[in-house]
């Protein structure tokens, strides 16, 4: 199947000629070498690889999701595609795939959730990945012979396209940004700290965007428009050794784009990040002034590996001029994890809040790591 970039991305070609370009080739196996890890931002390279080379305990990935806009029947389909350069010894949640024989360091997971909540995962066990950074954007080609997965980003981070090509799943997810990129504690500028927590980096290229999904899955069309998102994470140590629990999520509530992060390290040190924008203008981008807590069933805090999925989360963000931007994030479909005794759950869901005296409802993707045992 041949993929033709949509017209909205054709501006990539002339821009690339004048922009700073670097290319990294990542093999399918880790190297027995020390890795160089980037922890401070530069003028360019926002979405570029941050770890090179990848060894047995370092990891780097690019994450994309799209969630269906609300329908009259309250249905909600979603797609999540993650491009990994990591092994199970670096990122523990890949252990299940490794046990099934998907051992490539350059692994792509495409997980689709149909409107009724049924979920399926498709794996590209790529033989290598070629990552090209252009100005602040990046593109990646993950090839597994005839099967291919790719992402293509605009140099200014204004748009991304994910392409999938296999016998089981093919098509595209396109996201056009409506919210400025940011780092954990502030805007996308040079000399910013990139650690969301010790040994874990985060760069949020598209906090919110308009998504268009055009996929064929096992011969069936999965097509919808909605809210899109793209970020990347990386680390220089085994993931679980530095994480006790975390709550992360993003969504659209009326005209607002919101991204939240509330993290406890293995030593129970708290790290947070809050982002709020409207009409492409940032209102909040900071590593303070936010609280995320579970509510309803299984509202234990901090969550334990024995804790079941909660009903949802209450999120409160302190505004610069005073006051609180508060909303609830209710879980709807479990779209990854969620098994009893498993330390991770991802949901699609809904946001609900009171804005200027009017109740507003939107859609979201949210997740919980619950690694603590006691």
Protein backbone atom coordinates (compact mmCIF):
# COMPACT_ATOMS: atom_id res chain seq x y z
CA UNK A 1 0.00 0.00 0.00
CA UNK A 2 1.37 3.38 -0.95
CA UNK A 3 0.88 6.36 1.34
CA UNK A 4 0.63 9.87 -0.05
CA UNK A 5 1.13 12.72 2.45
CA UNK A 6 -2.00 14.87 2.83
CA UNK A 7 -1.92 18.32 1.33
CA UNK A 8 -1.64 19.89 4.77
CA UNK A 9 1.84 18.37 5.14
CA UNK A 10 3.26 19.24 1.72
CA UNK A 11 4.96 22.31 3.21
CA UNK A 12 7.46 19.91 4.78
CA UNK A 13 9.44 19.56 1.56
CA UNK A 14 10.60 23.17 0.99
CA UNK A 15 11.08 23.76 4.71
CA UNK A 16 13.44 20.79 5.12
CA UNK A 17 15.91 22.30 2.65
CA UNK A 18 16.63 25.24 4.95
CA UNK A 19 16.27 23.57 8.33
CA UNK A 20 18.84 21.80 10.51
CA UNK A 21 18.59 18.07 9.77
CA UNK A 22 20.08 15.10 11.62
CA UNK A 23 19.48 11.38 11.08
CA UNK A 24 19.96 8.51 13.54
CA UNK A 25 19.74 4.83 12.63
CA UNK A 26 18.70 2.59 15.54
CA UNK A 27 19.34 -1.14 15.25
CA UNK A 28 16.96 -3.79 16.59
CA UNK A 29 19.28 -4.83 19.44
CA UNK A 30 20.75 -2.81 22.33
CA UNK A 31 24.42 -1.93 22.31
CA UNK A 32 26.87 -2.65 25.19
CA UNK A 33 27.86 1.00 25.48
CA UNK A 34 27.12 3.99 27.66
CA UNK A 35 24.37 6.23 26.30
CA UNK A 36 24.45 9.98 25.87
CA UNK A 37 21.19 11.42 27.23
CA UNK A 38 19.90 14.95 26.66
CA UNK A 39 18.40 16.65 29.72
CA UNK A 40 18.49 20.32 28.67
CA UNK A 41 16.65 21.78 25.68
CA UNK A 42 18.30 23.50 22.73
CA UNK A 43 17.05 25.91 20.06
CA UNK A 44 16.15 22.99 17.79
CA UNK A 45 15.63 19.27 18.17
CA UNK A 46 12.46 19.40 20.28
CA UNK A 47 11.23 16.00 19.04
CA UNK A 48 14.62 14.52 18.13
CA UNK A 49 16.01 11.35 19.74
CA UNK A 50 17.21 12.08 23.26
CA UNK A 51 19.16 8.88 23.95
CA UNK A 52 22.00 7.56 21.77
CA UNK A 53 22.84 4.76 21.53
CA UNK A 54 20.15 2.66 23.22
CA UNK A 55 21.59 0.13 25.65
CA UNK A 56 19.86 -2.47 27.84
CA UNK A 57 18.53 0.00 30.42
CA UNK A 58 17.95 3.22 28.44
CA UNK A 59 14.83 3.94 26.42
CA UNK A 60 13.25 6.52 24.14
CA UNK A 61 9.84 6.61 22.44
CA UNK A 62 7.34 8.67 20.43
CA UNK A 63 3.66 8.44 21.43
CA UNK A 64 0.53 9.44 19.45
CA UNK A 65 -3.17 9.13 20.24
CA UNK A 66 -6.51 10.14 18.75
CA UNK A 67 -9.89 9.99 20.48
CA UNK A 68 -13.26 10.20 18.79
CA UNK A 69 -15.40 13.27 19.37
CA UNK A 70 -18.60 12.56 21.30
CA UNK A 71 -21.40 10.97 19.27
CA UNK A 72 -25.17 10.87 19.77
CA UNK A 73 -24.82 7.27 20.98
CA UNK A 74 -22.04 8.20 23.42
CA UNK A 75 -19.58 6.03 21.50
CA UNK A 76 -15.84 6.57 21.72
CA UNK A 77 -13.28 4.95 19.46
CA UNK A 78 -9.57 5.65 19.87
CA UNK A 79 -6.17 4.85 18.40
CA UNK A 80 -2.81 4.86 20.18
CA UNK A 81 0.47 4.29 18.34
CA UNK A 82 3.80 4.16 20.18
CA UNK A 83 7.17 3.97 18.43
CA UNK A 84 9.64 2.42 20.87
CA UNK A 85 13.40 2.34 20.89
CA UNK A 86 13.57 0.29 24.08
CA UNK A 87 13.80 -3.23 25.46
CA UNK A 88 11.96 -4.86 28.36
CA UNK A 89 15.00 -4.40 30.59
CA UNK A 90 14.68 -0.65 30.05
CA UNK A 91 10.88 -0.31 29.94
CA UNK A 92 9.31 -3.10 31.94
CA UNK A 93 5.89 -3.09 30.26
CA UNK A 94 7.43 -4.52 27.08
CA UNK A 95 8.13 -7.80 28.91
CA UNK A 96 4.84 -9.33 27.76
CA UNK A 97 5.63 -8.64 24.11
CA UNK A 98 9.18 -9.95 24.55
CA UNK A 99 7.75 -13.20 25.95
CA UNK A 100 5.67 -13.56 22.77
CA UNK A 101 8.78 -13.18 20.61
CA UNK A 102 8.55 -9.47 19.85
CA UNK A 103 12.08 -8.74 21.04
CA UNK A 104 13.08 -5.95 18.67
CA UNK A 105 14.38 -2.78 20.30
CA UNK A 106 12.63 -0.89 17.47
CA UNK A 107 9.08 -1.97 18.25
CA UNK A 108 5.84 -0.25 17.25
CA UNK A 109 2.55 -0.88 19.06
CA UNK A 110 -0.67 0.20 17.32
CA UNK A 111 -3.65 -0.24 19.61
CA UNK A 112 -7.15 0.42 18.30
CA UNK A 113 -10.30 0.59 20.39
CA UNK A 114 -13.62 0.38 18.61
CA UNK A 115 -16.59 2.53 19.57
CA UNK A 116 -18.05 -0.31 21.69
CA UNK A 117 -14.86 -0.55 23.77
CA UNK A 118 -13.32 -3.70 22.29
CA UNK A 119 -9.56 -3.27 21.92
CA UNK A 120 -6.88 -4.86 19.71
CA UNK A 121 -3.10 -4.44 19.51
CA UNK A 122 -0.93 -4.83 16.41
CA UNK A 123 2.86 -5.09 16.68
CA UNK A 124 5.53 -4.11 14.18
CA UNK A 125 8.72 -5.95 15.18
CA UNK A 126 10.93 -3.65 13.10
CA UNK A 127 14.44 -4.60 12.01
CA UNK A 128 15.63 -1.01 12.43
CA UNK A 129 14.39 2.54 12.85
CA UNK A 130 15.58 5.60 10.96
CA UNK A 131 14.81 8.81 12.86
CA UNK A 132 15.31 12.13 11.07
CA UNK A 133 15.03 15.36 13.05
CA UNK A 134 14.25 18.50 11.06
CA UNK A 135 14.38 21.76 13.01
CA UNK A 136 12.05 20.93 15.94
CA UNK A 137 10.07 18.15 14.28
CA UNK A 138 11.03 14.54 13.66
CA UNK A 139 10.13 11.68 11.37
CA UNK A 140 10.66 7.97 11.88
CA UNK A 141 10.59 4.91 9.64
CA UNK A 142 10.24 1.54 11.41
CA UNK A 143 10.44 -1.27 8.85
CA UNK A 144 9.69 -4.97 9.28
CA UNK A 145 10.16 -6.21 5.75
CA UNK A 146 6.85 -5.72 3.95
CA UNK A 147 5.25 -4.24 7.08
CA UNK A 148 6.05 -0.64 7.87
CA UNK A 149 5.14 1.99 10.42
CA UNK A 150 6.15 5.63 10.25
CA UNK A 151 5.57 9.09 11.61
CA UNK A 152 6.20 12.36 9.80
CA UNK A 153 6.36 15.66 11.65
CA UNK A 154 6.39 19.26 10.50
CA UNK A 155 9.60 21.13 11.41
CA UNK A 156 7.54 23.65 13.43
CA UNK A 157 5.51 20.89 15.22
CA UNK A 158 2.27 22.12 13.64
CA UNK A 159 1.25 18.70 12.31
CA UNK A 160 2.12 15.00 12.45
CA UNK A 161 1.07 12.02 10.39
CA UNK A 162 1.34 8.38 11.46
CA UNK A 163 1.29 5.78 8.69
CA UNK A 164 0.71 2.02 9.13
CA UNK A 165 1.08 -0.60 6.43
CA UNK A 166 0.50 -4.32 7.00
CA UNK A 167 -1.98 -7.02 6.02
CA UNK A 168 -3.87 -6.53 9.29
CA UNK A 169 -3.84 -2.76 9.75
CA UNK A 170 -3.18 0.05 7.30
CA UNK A 171 -3.93 3.72 6.86
CA UNK A 172 -3.12 6.94 8.65
CA UNK A 173 -3.66 9.15 11.69
CA UNK A 174 -3.15 12.87 11.06
CA UNK A 175 -2.98 15.46 13.84
CA UNK A 176 -2.96 19.24 13.39
CA UNK A 177 -1.92 21.13 16.51
CA UNK A 178 -4.15 23.70 18.22
CA UNK A 179 -1.97 24.15 21.33
CA UNK A 180 1.69 25.26 21.63
CA UNK A 181 4.35 22.68 22.47
CA UNK A 182 5.89 22.69 25.94
CA UNK A 183 8.45 21.08 28.21
CA UNK A 184 7.63 19.82 31.74
CA UNK A 185 7.94 23.20 33.44
CA UNK A 186 7.53 25.76 30.71
CA UNK A 187 7.47 26.74 27.04
CA UNK A 188 9.41 25.20 24.16
CA UNK A 189 12.53 27.30 24.54
CA UNK A 190 16.26 26.65 24.82
CA UNK A 191 17.94 25.88 28.17
CA UNK A 192 14.83 24.33 29.77
CA UNK A 193 15.06 21.29 32.05
CA UNK A 194 13.65 18.21 30.36
CA UNK A 195 13.17 15.90 33.35
CA UNK A 196 9.56 15.47 34.42
CA UNK A 197 11.03 13.48 37.32
CA UNK A 198 14.51 12.10 38.08
CA UNK A 199 15.84 10.02 35.16
CA UNK A 200 12.65 10.53 33.09
CA UNK A 201 12.42 13.07 30.28
CA UNK A 202 9.31 14.46 28.62
CA UNK A 203 8.61 16.75 25.65
CA UNK A 204 5.01 17.45 24.59
CA UNK A 205 5.04 18.44 20.92
CA UNK A 206 1.25 18.50 20.42
CA UNK A 207 -0.66 18.95 23.71
CA UNK A 208 -3.88 19.05 21.73
CA UNK A 209 -4.84 18.85 18.10
CA UNK A 210 -7.53 18.01 15.59
CA UNK A 211 -7.19 14.36 14.58
CA UNK A 212 -8.35 12.55 11.46
CA UNK A 213 -8.21 8.74 11.57
CA UNK A 214 -8.45 6.76 8.32
CA UNK A 215 -7.60 3.11 9.05
CA UNK A 216 -8.55 -0.31 7.77
CA UNK A 217 -8.31 -2.96 10.51
CA UNK A 218 -8.72 -6.62 9.48
CA UNK A 219 -10.68 -5.42 6.49
CA UNK A 220 -13.00 -3.15 8.48
CA UNK A 221 -12.88 0.66 8.29
CA UNK A 222 -12.07 2.65 11.43
CA UNK A 223 -12.65 6.27 10.53
CA UNK A 224 -13.34 9.20 12.82
CA UNK A 225 -12.34 12.74 13.73
CA UNK A 226 -11.59 13.97 17.21
CA UNK A 227 -8.84 15.12 19.55
CA UNK A 228 -5.20 14.21 18.89
CA UNK A 229 -2.03 14.32 20.97
CA UNK A 230 1.70 13.62 20.62
CA UNK A 231 4.57 13.53 23.09
CA UNK A 232 7.77 11.63 23.78
CA UNK A 233 9.44 10.17 26.87
CA UNK A 234 12.94 8.86 27.51
CA UNK A 235 15.13 7.72 30.37
CA UNK A 236 18.65 6.69 31.33
CA UNK A 237 17.70 3.96 33.83
CA UNK A 238 15.19 1.13 34.09
CA UNK A 239 11.72 2.71 34.20
CA UNK A 240 10.22 0.87 37.19
CA UNK A 241 13.26 1.57 39.36
CA UNK A 242 12.31 5.26 39.35
CA UNK A 243 8.50 5.12 39.37
CA UNK A 244 6.15 4.29 42.23
CA UNK A 245 2.99 5.68 40.65
CA UNK A 246 1.87 8.31 38.21
CA UNK A 247 -1.28 9.87 36.86
CA UNK A 248 -1.13 11.39 33.39
CA UNK A 249 -3.78 12.54 30.99
CA UNK A 250 -4.83 15.07 28.41
CA UNK A 251 -8.00 16.23 26.72
CA UNK A 252 -10.19 19.01 25.46
CA UNK A 253 -12.78 20.73 27.62
CA UNK A 254 -14.73 23.28 25.61
CA UNK A 255 -12.12 25.59 24.08
CA UNK A 256 -9.45 24.51 26.55
CA UNK A 257 -6.62 22.02 26.05
CA UNK A 258 -5.35 20.46 29.24
CA UNK A 259 -2.47 18.10 30.08
CA UNK A 260 -1.73 16.84 33.59
CA UNK A 261 0.96 14.84 35.34
CA UNK A 262 1.15 13.85 39.02
CA UNK A 263 4.01 11.47 39.81
CA UNK A 264 5.47 9.71 42.85
CA UNK A 265 9.01 8.37 42.61
CA UNK A 266 10.02 5.04 44.12
CA UNK A 267 10.98 7.09 47.20
CA UNK A 268 7.51 8.75 47.22
CA UNK A 269 8.80 12.14 46.16
CA UNK A 270 6.08 14.09 44.34
CA UNK A 271 6.62 15.68 40.90
CA UNK A 272 3.87 17.43 38.93
CA UNK A 273 3.27 19.28 35.67
CA UNK A 274 0.24 21.32 34.62
CA UNK A 275 -0.61 22.66 31.16
CA UNK A 276 -3.64 24.66 30.08
CA UNK A 277 -4.17 26.57 26.84
CA UNK A 278 -6.98 28.19 24.90
CA UNK A 279 -7.09 29.48 21.32
CA UNK A 280 -3.42 28.55 20.82
CA UNK A 281 -2.40 30.67 23.84
CA UNK A 282 -0.78 29.11 26.91
CA UNK A 283 -2.47 29.93 30.22
CA UNK A 284 -0.53 27.55 32.50
CA UNK A 285 2.70 25.64 31.88
CA UNK A 286 4.42 24.83 35.15
CA UNK A 287 5.75 22.17 37.52
CA UNK A 288 3.52 23.23 40.39
CA UNK A 289 -0.05 24.14 41.26
CA UNK A 290 -1.82 20.91 40.33
CA UNK A 291 -3.44 18.07 42.22
CA UNK A 292 -4.71 14.81 40.64
CA UNK A 293 -6.57 12.35 42.84
CA UNK A 294 -8.71 9.28 42.12
CA UNK A 295 -12.39 9.20 43.03
CA UNK A 296 -15.13 6.60 43.24
CA UNK A 297 -14.29 2.92 43.25
CA UNK A 298 -10.66 2.00 44.03
CA UNK A 299 -9.74 5.54 45.09
CA UNK A 300 -6.70 4.44 47.13
CA UNK A 301 -3.89 7.02 47.05
CA UNK A 302 -1.20 6.36 46.20
CA UNK A 303 -2.41 3.47 44.08
CA UNK A 304 -0.91 0.04 44.72
CA UNK A 305 -0.38 -2.83 42.30
CA UNK A 306 -3.25 -4.51 44.13
CA UNK A 307 -5.54 -1.50 43.60
CA UNK A 308 -8.17 -1.85 40.90
CA UNK A 309 -8.97 0.85 38.33
CA UNK A 310 -10.66 3.95 39.80
CA UNK A 311 -13.88 5.50 38.54
CA UNK A 312 -12.00 8.63 37.55
CA UNK A 313 -9.82 11.50 38.70
CA UNK A 314 -10.42 14.97 40.12
CA UNK A 315 -7.96 17.50 38.69
CA UNK A 316 -7.34 20.98 40.11
CA UNK A 317 -4.99 23.49 38.46
CA UNK A 318 -4.05 26.80 40.09
CA UNK A 319 -4.38 29.75 37.71
CA UNK A 320 -1.80 32.57 37.52
CA UNK A 321 -4.35 35.30 38.34
CA UNK A 322 -5.83 33.27 41.19
CA UNK A 323 -8.59 30.76 41.28
CA UNK A 324 -8.74 27.10 40.33
CA UNK A 325 -9.45 25.39 37.01
CA UNK A 326 -11.14 22.22 38.23
CA UNK A 327 -12.62 19.30 36.34
CA UNK A 328 -13.20 15.58 36.59
CA UNK A 329 -11.79 12.97 34.23
CA UNK A 330 -14.09 9.94 34.11
CA UNK A 331 -12.84 6.63 32.74
CA UNK A 332 -14.89 5.05 29.94
CA UNK A 333 -13.06 2.33 28.01
CA UNK A 334 -9.92 0.52 29.18
CA UNK A 335 -7.74 0.75 26.09
CA UNK A 336 -4.54 -0.84 27.48
CA UNK A 337 -3.60 -2.83 30.57
CA UNK A 338 -6.10 -2.91 33.40
CA UNK A 339 -5.67 -6.60 34.26
CA UNK A 340 -5.72 -7.58 37.93
CA UNK A 341 -2.24 -7.28 39.39
CA UNK A 342 -0.91 -5.41 36.34
CA UNK A 343 0.80 -2.08 37.18
CA UNK A 344 -0.70 -0.02 34.37
CA UNK A 345 -4.04 1.08 32.92
CA UNK A 346 -4.85 3.46 30.06
CA UNK A 347 -8.38 4.67 29.39
CA UNK A 348 -10.30 6.80 26.98
CA UNK A 349 -12.79 8.89 28.84
CA UNK A 350 -14.62 12.16 29.31
CA UNK A 351 -13.82 15.47 30.97
CA UNK A 352 -16.48 17.41 32.82
CA UNK A 353 -16.11 20.85 34.33
CA UNK A 354 -17.86 24.13 35.10
CA UNK A 355 -16.64 26.96 32.87
CA UNK A 356 -18.09 30.40 33.55
CA UNK A 357 -21.16 28.83 35.12
CA UNK A 358 -21.82 26.37 32.32
CA UNK A 359 -21.17 22.63 32.51
CA UNK A 360 -18.88 21.56 29.69
CA UNK A 361 -18.04 18.01 28.59
CA UNK A 362 -15.09 16.87 26.50
CA UNK A 363 -12.96 13.80 25.74
CA UNK A 364 -9.67 12.57 27.12
CA UNK A 365 -7.03 9.85 27.29
CA UNK A 366 -5.68 9.13 30.75
CA UNK A 367 -3.44 6.60 32.45
CA UNK A 368 -2.24 5.26 35.77
CA UNK A 369 0.97 3.46 36.73
CA UNK A 370 0.52 1.67 40.05
CA UNK A 371 3.85 0.00 40.79
CA UNK A 372 3.90 0.41 44.59
CA UNK A 373 3.29 -2.86 46.46
CA UNK A 374 2.54 -1.25 49.84
